[in-house]
Amino acid sequence: MKIVIVEDDYLQAEWLQGILKEHFPHSRLQQIPTELEFRNEVETLRKEPPDLVLLDVMLRWTDPVPDMVPAPEDVRVNGFFRAGFRCEKLLRQFPETENVPVILYTVLEEEDFVKNDFGIDLQKLPPNTLYVSKDSDPTRLLDIIKKVASRPAGA
């Protein structure tokens, strides 16, 4: 099983990788740390679709460097609070990746999406996109990954 982890917090990414290696020792893990890098990896993901994408909702556009790639208009307007949704939407645009299961894994609670006027209705996410709140106990996340991993391809 190939799992792509899209997470800009390096400690969180390391923790997730450790948990996933422990519970899915034969899986291949790839970490993508920013929205820009996710966009740059889309073609590779199309050629070799992952079995699962674990996607943080709030992501930096890029790591701060002297010659940073400037953020496009949609990123400047909507900010990092919607980065995961932009990445998920991008993945759904291509036949090769439109059915890849995505777990939106975030510190944001469901009420945050309504209260902060995100314009996102979690009830209207595609059936292969799931929302899971981050927790120091990975049990719920692991249970969901096991269910997703046991589904037939494209289901």
N, C-alpha and C. Protein backbone atom coordinates (compact mmCIF):
# COMPACT_ATOMS: atom_id res chain seq x y z
N MET A 1 0.85 -1.17 0.00
CA MET A 1 0.00 0.00 0.00
C MET A 1 0.89 1.24 0.00
N LYS A 2 0.56 2.18 -0.86
CA LYS A 2 1.30 3.44 -0.92
C LYS A 2 0.44 4.53 -0.27
N ILE A 3 1.01 5.18 0.73
CA ILE A 3 0.31 6.26 1.46
C ILE A 3 1.11 7.54 1.28
N VAL A 4 0.42 8.58 0.84
CA VAL A 4 1.04 9.91 0.73
C VAL A 4 0.56 10.73 1.91
N ILE A 5 1.51 11.27 2.66
CA ILE A 5 1.21 12.13 3.81
C ILE A 5 1.52 13.56 3.40
N VAL A 6 0.49 14.41 3.42
CA VAL A 6 0.68 15.82 3.08
C VAL A 6 0.54 16.59 4.40
N GLU A 7 1.67 16.96 4.95
CA GLU A 7 1.72 17.56 6.29
C GLU A 7 2.91 18.50 6.37
N ASP A 8 2.66 19.77 6.77
CA ASP A 8 3.75 20.74 6.84
C ASP A 8 4.42 20.82 8.21
N ASP A 9 3.82 20.21 9.21
CA ASP A 9 4.42 20.18 10.54
C ASP A 9 5.33 18.95 10.60
N TYR A 10 6.63 19.17 10.66
CA TYR A 10 7.59 18.08 10.57
C TYR A 10 7.47 17.09 11.73
N LEU A 11 7.17 17.59 12.93
CA LEU A 11 6.99 16.68 14.07
C LEU A 11 5.76 15.81 13.87
N GLN A 12 4.68 16.40 13.40
CA GLN A 12 3.45 15.65 13.12
C GLN A 12 3.71 14.62 12.02
N ALA A 13 4.43 15.01 10.98
CA ALA A 13 4.73 14.10 9.87
C ALA A 13 5.57 12.92 10.36
N GLU A 14 6.56 13.18 11.19
CA GLU A 14 7.40 12.10 11.73
C GLU A 14 6.58 11.16 12.59
N TRP A 15 5.70 11.72 13.43
CA TRP A 15 4.83 10.91 14.29
C TRP A 15 3.92 10.03 13.43
N LEU A 16 3.31 10.61 12.41
CA LEU A 16 2.43 9.85 11.52
C LEU A 16 3.20 8.73 10.82
N GLN A 17 4.37 9.05 10.32
CA GLN A 17 5.17 8.03 9.64
C GLN A 17 5.50 6.88 10.57
N GLY A 18 5.86 7.20 11.81
CA GLY A 18 6.16 6.14 12.78
C GLY A 18 4.97 5.25 13.06
N ILE A 19 3.81 5.86 13.26
CA ILE A 19 2.58 5.11 13.53
C ILE A 19 2.22 4.23 12.32
N LEU A 20 2.31 4.82 11.13
CA LEU A 20 1.95 4.07 9.92
C LEU A 20 2.92 2.92 9.65
N LYS A 21 4.21 3.14 9.87
CA LYS A 21 5.20 2.07 9.68
C LYS A 21 4.95 0.93 10.67
N GLU A 22 4.56 1.29 11.88
CA GLU A 22 4.28 0.28 12.90
C GLU A 22 3.07 -0.56 12.53
N HIS A 23 2.00 0.07 12.07
CA HIS A 23 0.75 -0.63 11.81
C HIS A 23 0.61 -1.14 10.37
N PHE A 24 1.37 -0.58 9.46
CA PHE A 24 1.35 -1.00 8.06
C PHE A 24 2.80 -1.15 7.59
N PRO A 25 3.50 -2.16 8.13
CA PRO A 25 4.95 -2.26 7.90
C PRO A 25 5.35 -2.45 6.43
N HIS A 26 4.45 -2.92 5.60
CA HIS A 26 4.79 -3.16 4.20
C HIS A 26 4.36 -2.00 3.30
N SER A 27 3.87 -0.95 3.90
CA SER A 27 3.42 0.19 3.09
C SER A 27 4.61 1.06 2.69
N ARG A 28 4.42 1.76 1.57
CA ARG A 28 5.40 2.75 1.12
C ARG A 28 4.84 4.11 1.49
N LEU A 29 5.65 4.91 2.16
CA LEU A 29 5.21 6.23 2.61
C LEU A 29 5.94 7.32 1.85
N GLN A 30 5.20 8.34 1.49
CA GLN A 30 5.79 9.52 0.86
C GLN A 30 5.27 10.73 1.62
N GLN A 31 6.16 11.63 1.99
CA GLN A 31 5.73 12.84 2.69
C GLN A 31 5.89 14.04 1.78
N ILE A 32 4.84 14.84 1.71
CA ILE A 32 4.85 16.08 0.94
C ILE A 32 4.57 17.20 1.94
N PRO A 33 5.49 18.16 2.11
CA PRO A 33 5.36 19.12 3.20
C PRO A 33 4.61 20.42 2.91
N THR A 34 4.33 20.75 1.66
CA THR A 34 3.69 22.04 1.39
C THR A 34 2.70 21.91 0.22
N GLU A 35 1.84 22.91 0.10
CA GLU A 35 0.90 22.91 -1.01
C GLU A 35 1.63 23.00 -2.36
N LEU A 36 2.65 23.82 -2.43
CA LEU A 36 3.41 23.94 -3.68
C LEU A 36 4.00 22.59 -4.08
N GLU A 37 4.60 21.89 -3.14
CA GLU A 37 5.19 20.59 -3.46
C GLU A 37 4.12 19.58 -3.86
N PHE A 38 2.94 19.66 -3.24
CA PHE A 38 1.84 18.78 -3.66
C PHE A 38 1.49 19.06 -5.12
N ARG A 39 1.33 20.33 -5.45
CA ARG A 39 1.00 20.69 -6.84
C ARG A 39 2.09 20.19 -7.81
N ASN A 40 3.34 20.29 -7.36
CA ASN A 40 4.46 19.83 -8.20
C ASN A 40 4.47 18.31 -8.35
N GLU A 41 3.90 17.59 -7.39
CA GLU A 41 3.90 16.12 -7.40
C GLU A 41 2.69 15.52 -8.09
N VAL A 42 1.72 16.33 -8.49
CA VAL A 42 0.48 15.80 -9.05
C VAL A 42 0.73 14.89 -10.26
N GLU A 43 1.63 15.28 -11.14
CA GLU A 43 1.91 14.46 -12.32
C GLU A 43 2.47 13.10 -11.91
N THR A 44 3.34 13.07 -10.92
CA THR A 44 3.88 11.81 -10.42
C THR A 44 2.77 10.98 -9.79
N LEU A 45 1.88 11.62 -9.04
CA LEU A 45 0.76 10.92 -8.42
C LEU A 45 -0.18 10.35 -9.48
N ARG A 46 -0.33 11.05 -10.58
CA ARG A 46 -1.16 10.54 -11.68
C ARG A 46 -0.55 9.29 -12.29
N LYS A 47 0.77 9.29 -12.44
CA LYS A 47 1.45 8.14 -13.04
C LYS A 47 1.46 6.94 -12.11
N GLU A 48 1.60 7.21 -10.81
CA GLU A 48 1.63 6.16 -9.78
C GLU A 48 0.67 6.54 -8.67
N PRO A 49 -0.64 6.35 -8.89
CA PRO A 49 -1.60 6.79 -7.87
C PRO A 49 -1.39 6.07 -6.54
N PRO A 50 -1.45 6.82 -5.47
CA PRO A 50 -1.33 6.20 -4.15
C PRO A 50 -2.62 5.44 -3.80
N ASP A 51 -2.54 4.62 -2.79
CA ASP A 51 -3.73 3.93 -2.29
C ASP A 51 -4.51 4.81 -1.32
N LEU A 52 -3.82 5.81 -0.78
CA LEU A 52 -4.44 6.69 0.20
C LEU A 52 -3.63 7.98 0.30
N VAL A 53 -4.33 9.10 0.47
CA VAL A 53 -3.68 10.38 0.75
C VAL A 53 -4.18 10.85 2.11
N LEU A 54 -3.26 11.07 3.01
CA LEU A 54 -3.54 11.61 4.34
C LEU A 54 -3.17 13.07 4.27
N LEU A 55 -4.17 13.95 4.31
CA LEU A 55 -3.99 15.34 3.92
C LEU A 55 -4.38 16.31 5.03
N ASP A 56 -3.43 17.10 5.48
CA ASP A 56 -3.72 18.16 6.44
C ASP A 56 -4.52 19.23 5.70
N VAL A 57 -5.42 19.90 6.40
CA VAL A 57 -6.23 20.95 5.78
C VAL A 57 -5.45 22.26 5.71
N MET A 58 -4.76 22.60 6.78
CA MET A 58 -4.01 23.86 6.82
C MET A 58 -2.55 23.57 6.47
N LEU A 59 -2.12 24.11 5.34
CA LEU A 59 -0.75 23.89 4.87
C LEU A 59 -0.12 25.20 4.45
N ARG A 60 1.17 25.31 4.71
CA ARG A 60 1.91 26.44 4.15
C ARG A 60 1.95 26.30 2.65
N TRP A 61 2.05 27.43 1.95
CA TRP A 61 2.22 27.39 0.50
C TRP A 61 3.56 26.74 0.18
N THR A 62 4.62 27.23 0.85
CA THR A 62 5.95 26.67 0.65
C THR A 62 6.78 26.95 1.90
N ASP A 63 7.90 26.29 2.00
CA ASP A 63 8.81 26.59 3.10
C ASP A 63 9.47 27.94 2.80
N PRO A 64 9.70 28.75 3.82
CA PRO A 64 10.33 30.05 3.58
C PRO A 64 11.78 29.89 3.13
N VAL A 65 12.06 30.41 1.95
CA VAL A 65 13.41 30.42 1.40
C VAL A 65 13.60 31.76 0.69
N PRO A 66 14.84 32.17 0.45
CA PRO A 66 15.06 33.49 -0.17
C PRO A 66 14.33 33.69 -1.51
N ASP A 67 14.33 32.69 -2.37
CA ASP A 67 13.69 32.83 -3.69
C ASP A 67 12.39 32.03 -3.75
N MET A 68 11.50 32.28 -2.81
CA MET A 68 10.24 31.55 -2.73
C MET A 68 9.40 31.76 -3.99
N VAL A 69 8.75 30.69 -4.41
CA VAL A 69 7.79 30.78 -5.51
C VAL A 69 6.58 31.52 -4.95
N PRO A 70 6.17 32.61 -5.59
CA PRO A 70 5.02 33.35 -5.06
C PRO A 70 3.74 32.52 -5.17
N ALA A 71 2.87 32.71 -4.21
CA ALA A 71 1.60 31.99 -4.21
C ALA A 71 0.68 32.53 -5.30
N PRO A 72 -0.07 31.64 -5.95
CA PRO A 72 -1.03 32.11 -6.95
C PRO A 72 -2.20 32.83 -6.28
N GLU A 73 -3.02 33.46 -7.09
CA GLU A 73 -4.12 34.28 -6.59
C GLU A 73 -5.05 33.52 -5.63
N ASP A 74 -5.45 32.29 -5.98
CA ASP A 74 -6.39 31.55 -5.12
C ASP A 74 -5.79 31.29 -3.74
N VAL A 75 -4.49 31.09 -3.67
CA VAL A 75 -3.83 30.87 -2.39
C VAL A 75 -3.74 32.18 -1.61
N ARG A 76 -3.41 33.28 -2.29
CA ARG A 76 -3.33 34.57 -1.61
C ARG A 76 -4.70 34.98 -1.06
N VAL A 77 -5.76 34.73 -1.82
CA VAL A 77 -7.11 35.13 -1.41
C VAL A 77 -7.64 34.24 -0.29
N ASN A 78 -7.51 32.92 -0.45
CA ASN A 78 -8.12 31.99 0.50
C ASN A 78 -7.18 31.50 1.60
N GLY A 79 -5.90 31.75 1.47
CA GLY A 79 -4.95 31.43 2.52
C GLY A 79 -4.73 29.95 2.77
N PHE A 80 -3.97 29.68 3.82
CA PHE A 80 -3.58 28.32 4.13
C PHE A 80 -4.70 27.50 4.75
N PHE A 81 -5.77 28.15 5.21
CA PHE A 81 -6.88 27.43 5.84
C PHE A 81 -7.61 26.51 4.86
N ARG A 82 -7.48 26.76 3.58
CA ARG A 82 -8.17 25.94 2.58
C ARG A 82 -7.21 25.12 1.71
N ALA A 83 -5.95 25.10 2.05
CA ALA A 83 -4.94 24.43 1.23
C ALA A 83 -5.27 22.96 0.99
N GLY A 84 -5.64 22.24 2.03
CA GLY A 84 -5.96 20.82 1.88
C GLY A 84 -7.13 20.60 0.93
N PHE A 85 -8.11 21.48 0.99
CA PHE A 85 -9.26 21.35 0.09
C PHE A 85 -8.85 21.63 -1.36
N ARG A 86 -7.94 22.59 -1.54
CA ARG A 86 -7.44 22.84 -2.90
C ARG A 86 -6.68 21.63 -3.43
N CYS A 87 -5.87 21.01 -2.58
CA CYS A 87 -5.11 19.83 -2.99
C CYS A 87 -6.06 18.67 -3.31
N GLU A 88 -7.06 18.48 -2.47
CA GLU A 88 -8.04 17.40 -2.70
C GLU A 88 -8.77 17.62 -4.01
N LYS A 89 -9.17 18.85 -4.26
CA LYS A 89 -9.89 19.19 -5.50
C LYS A 89 -8.99 18.94 -6.72
N LEU A 90 -7.72 19.29 -6.62
CA LEU A 90 -6.78 19.07 -7.71
C LEU A 90 -6.64 17.57 -8.01
N LEU A 91 -6.57 16.77 -6.98
CA LEU A 91 -6.46 15.32 -7.14
C LEU A 91 -7.67 14.76 -7.88
N ARG A 92 -8.85 15.31 -7.61
CA ARG A 92 -10.10 14.83 -8.20
C ARG A 92 -10.26 15.22 -9.67
N GLN A 93 -9.41 16.09 -10.18
CA GLN A 93 -9.54 16.56 -11.56
C GLN A 93 -9.06 15.55 -12.59
N PHE A 94 -8.35 14.53 -12.16
CA PHE A 94 -7.74 13.61 -13.11
C PHE A 94 -8.31 12.20 -12.95
N PRO A 95 -8.60 11.53 -14.05
CA PRO A 95 -9.17 10.18 -13.97
C PRO A 95 -8.30 9.20 -13.18
N GLU A 96 -6.98 9.37 -13.25
CA GLU A 96 -6.07 8.45 -12.57
C GLU A 96 -6.14 8.58 -11.05
N THR A 97 -6.53 9.76 -10.56
CA THR A 97 -6.50 9.99 -9.11
C THR A 97 -7.87 10.37 -8.53
N GLU A 98 -8.90 10.45 -9.34
CA GLU A 98 -10.19 10.92 -8.84
C GLU A 98 -10.81 9.99 -7.80
N ASN A 99 -10.42 8.71 -7.81
CA ASN A 99 -11.00 7.76 -6.86
C ASN A 99 -10.06 7.40 -5.70
N VAL A 100 -8.92 8.06 -5.63
CA VAL A 100 -7.99 7.79 -4.54
C VAL A 100 -8.64 8.27 -3.23
N PRO A 101 -8.70 7.40 -2.22
CA PRO A 101 -9.24 7.84 -0.94
C PRO A 101 -8.37 8.92 -0.31
N VAL A 102 -9.04 9.94 0.23
CA VAL A 102 -8.36 11.05 0.89
C VAL A 102 -8.92 11.16 2.30
N ILE A 103 -8.03 11.24 3.27
CA ILE A 103 -8.44 11.52 4.64
C ILE A 103 -7.94 12.91 4.97
N LEU A 104 -8.89 13.83 5.20
CA LEU A 104 -8.55 15.18 5.64
C LEU A 104 -8.30 15.08 7.14
N TYR A 105 -7.05 15.21 7.53
CA TYR A 105 -6.62 15.01 8.91
C TYR A 105 -6.18 16.36 9.46
N THR A 106 -6.98 16.92 10.37
CA THR A 106 -6.77 18.31 10.76
C THR A 106 -7.09 18.57 12.22
N VAL A 107 -6.51 19.64 12.75
CA VAL A 107 -6.85 20.09 14.11
C VAL A 107 -8.17 20.83 14.12
N LEU A 108 -8.65 21.22 12.96
CA LEU A 108 -9.92 21.94 12.88
C LEU A 108 -11.08 21.00 13.22
N GLU A 109 -12.00 21.51 14.00
CA GLU A 109 -13.21 20.76 14.33
C GLU A 109 -14.28 21.10 13.30
N GLU A 110 -15.29 20.25 13.19
CA GLU A 110 -16.35 20.48 12.20
C GLU A 110 -16.97 21.87 12.33
N GLU A 111 -17.18 22.32 13.57
CA GLU A 111 -17.81 23.64 13.76
C GLU A 111 -16.91 24.79 13.29
N ASP A 112 -15.59 24.55 13.23
CA ASP A 112 -14.68 25.58 12.72
C ASP A 112 -14.97 25.92 11.26
N PHE A 113 -15.39 24.92 10.50
CA PHE A 113 -15.67 25.15 9.08
C PHE A 113 -16.88 26.05 8.90
N VAL A 114 -17.86 25.91 9.78
CA VAL A 114 -19.06 26.74 9.71
C VAL A 114 -18.78 28.11 10.32
N LYS A 115 -18.23 28.10 11.53
CA LYS A 115 -18.00 29.34 12.29
C LYS A 115 -17.09 30.31 11.55
N ASN A 116 -16.08 29.80 10.87
CA ASN A 116 -15.11 30.66 10.18
C ASN A 116 -15.46 30.88 8.72
N ASP A 117 -16.66 30.49 8.33
CA ASP A 117 -17.16 30.72 6.98
C ASP A 117 -16.17 30.23 5.91
N PHE A 118 -15.78 28.97 6.03
CA PHE A 118 -14.85 28.38 5.08
C PHE A 118 -15.49 28.17 3.72
N GLY A 119 -16.82 28.13 3.69
CA GLY A 119 -17.50 27.81 2.44
C GLY A 119 -17.37 26.34 2.11
N ILE A 120 -17.08 25.51 3.10
CA ILE A 120 -16.92 24.07 2.92
C ILE A 120 -17.99 23.38 3.76
N ASP A 121 -18.75 22.51 3.12
CA ASP A 121 -19.74 21.70 3.82
C ASP A 121 -19.18 20.28 3.88
N LEU A 122 -18.75 19.86 5.07
CA LEU A 122 -18.14 18.54 5.22
C LEU A 122 -19.10 17.42 4.85
N GLN A 123 -20.40 17.70 4.93
CA GLN A 123 -21.40 16.69 4.57
C GLN A 123 -21.44 16.46 3.05
N LYS A 124 -20.89 17.39 2.29
CA LYS A 124 -20.94 17.29 0.83
C LYS A 124 -19.60 16.89 0.21
N LEU A 125 -18.70 16.38 1.04
CA LEU A 125 -17.43 15.90 0.50
C LEU A 125 -17.69 14.66 -0.36
N PRO A 126 -16.85 14.42 -1.36
CA PRO A 126 -17.02 13.19 -2.15
C PRO A 126 -16.96 11.96 -1.23
N PRO A 127 -17.61 10.87 -1.63
CA PRO A 127 -17.65 9.69 -0.76
C PRO A 127 -16.27 9.11 -0.42
N ASN A 128 -15.29 9.35 -1.26
CA ASN A 128 -13.95 8.82 -0.98
C ASN A 128 -13.06 9.86 -0.28
N THR A 129 -13.67 10.93 0.25
CA THR A 129 -12.96 11.91 1.06
C THR A 129 -13.57 11.90 2.45
N LEU A 130 -12.73 11.63 3.44
CA LEU A 130 -13.19 11.53 4.82
C LEU A 130 -12.53 12.60 5.66
N TYR A 131 -13.22 13.05 6.68
CA TYR A 131 -12.70 14.05 7.61
C TYR A 131 -12.40 13.36 8.93
N VAL A 132 -11.19 13.54 9.47
CA VAL A 132 -10.81 12.99 10.76
C VAL A 132 -10.08 14.08 11.54
N SER A 133 -10.54 14.34 12.73
CA SER A 133 -9.90 15.33 13.59
C SER A 133 -8.62 14.74 14.18
N LYS A 134 -7.55 15.55 14.19
CA LYS A 134 -6.28 15.08 14.75
C LYS A 134 -6.45 14.81 16.24
N ASP A 135 -5.77 13.76 16.68
CA ASP A 135 -5.86 13.34 18.07
C ASP A 135 -4.53 12.69 18.44
N SER A 136 -4.13 12.81 19.68
CA SER A 136 -2.89 12.17 20.11
C SER A 136 -3.04 10.64 20.17
N ASP A 137 -4.28 10.16 20.20
CA ASP A 137 -4.55 8.73 20.13
C ASP A 137 -4.89 8.40 18.67
N PRO A 138 -4.04 7.66 17.99
CA PRO A 138 -4.25 7.41 16.56
C PRO A 138 -5.27 6.32 16.24
N THR A 139 -5.96 5.78 17.24
CA THR A 139 -6.85 4.63 17.04
C THR A 139 -7.89 4.88 15.96
N ARG A 140 -8.60 5.99 16.03
CA ARG A 140 -9.66 6.27 15.06
C ARG A 140 -9.08 6.40 13.65
N LEU A 141 -7.98 7.11 13.52
CA LEU A 141 -7.33 7.27 12.22
C LEU A 141 -6.91 5.90 11.67
N LEU A 142 -6.29 5.07 12.49
CA LEU A 142 -5.85 3.76 12.04
C LEU A 142 -7.03 2.87 11.64
N ASP A 143 -8.12 2.94 12.40
CA ASP A 143 -9.32 2.16 12.05
C ASP A 143 -9.84 2.57 10.67
N ILE A 144 -9.86 3.85 10.41
CA ILE A 144 -10.34 4.34 9.12
C ILE A 144 -9.40 3.92 8.00
N ILE A 145 -8.10 4.02 8.23
CA ILE A 145 -7.13 3.59 7.21
C ILE A 145 -7.31 2.10 6.92
N LYS A 146 -7.51 1.28 7.95
CA LYS A 146 -7.71 -0.16 7.74
C LYS A 146 -8.96 -0.42 6.90
N LYS A 147 -10.03 0.32 7.15
CA LYS A 147 -11.26 0.16 6.36
C LYS A 147 -11.01 0.57 4.92
N VAL A 148 -10.34 1.70 4.74
CA VAL A 148 -10.06 2.19 3.38
C VAL A 148 -9.15 1.19 2.65
N ALA A 149 -8.16 0.66 3.35
CA ALA A 149 -7.20 -0.27 2.73
C ALA A 149 -7.86 -1.60 2.35
N SER A 150 -8.95 -1.95 3.02
CA SER A 150 -9.59 -3.24 2.73
C SER A 150 -10.62 -3.12 1.61
N ARG A 151 -10.93 -1.91 1.16
CA ARG A 151 -11.89 -1.74 0.07
C ARG A 151 -11.26 -2.12 -1.26
N PRO A 152 -12.08 -2.67 -2.17
CA PRO A 152 -11.56 -2.93 -3.51
C PRO A 152 -11.23 -1.61 -4.20
N ALA A 153 -10.29 -1.63 -5.11
CA ALA A 153 -9.87 -0.42 -5.83
C ALA A 153 -11.08 0.22 -6.51
N GLY A 154 -11.18 1.55 -6.37
CA GLY A 154 -12.26 2.31 -6.99
C GLY A 154 -13.57 2.27 -6.23
N ALA A 155 -13.61 1.55 -5.10
CA ALA A 155 -14.87 1.47 -4.33
C ALA A 155 -15.03 2.62 -3.38
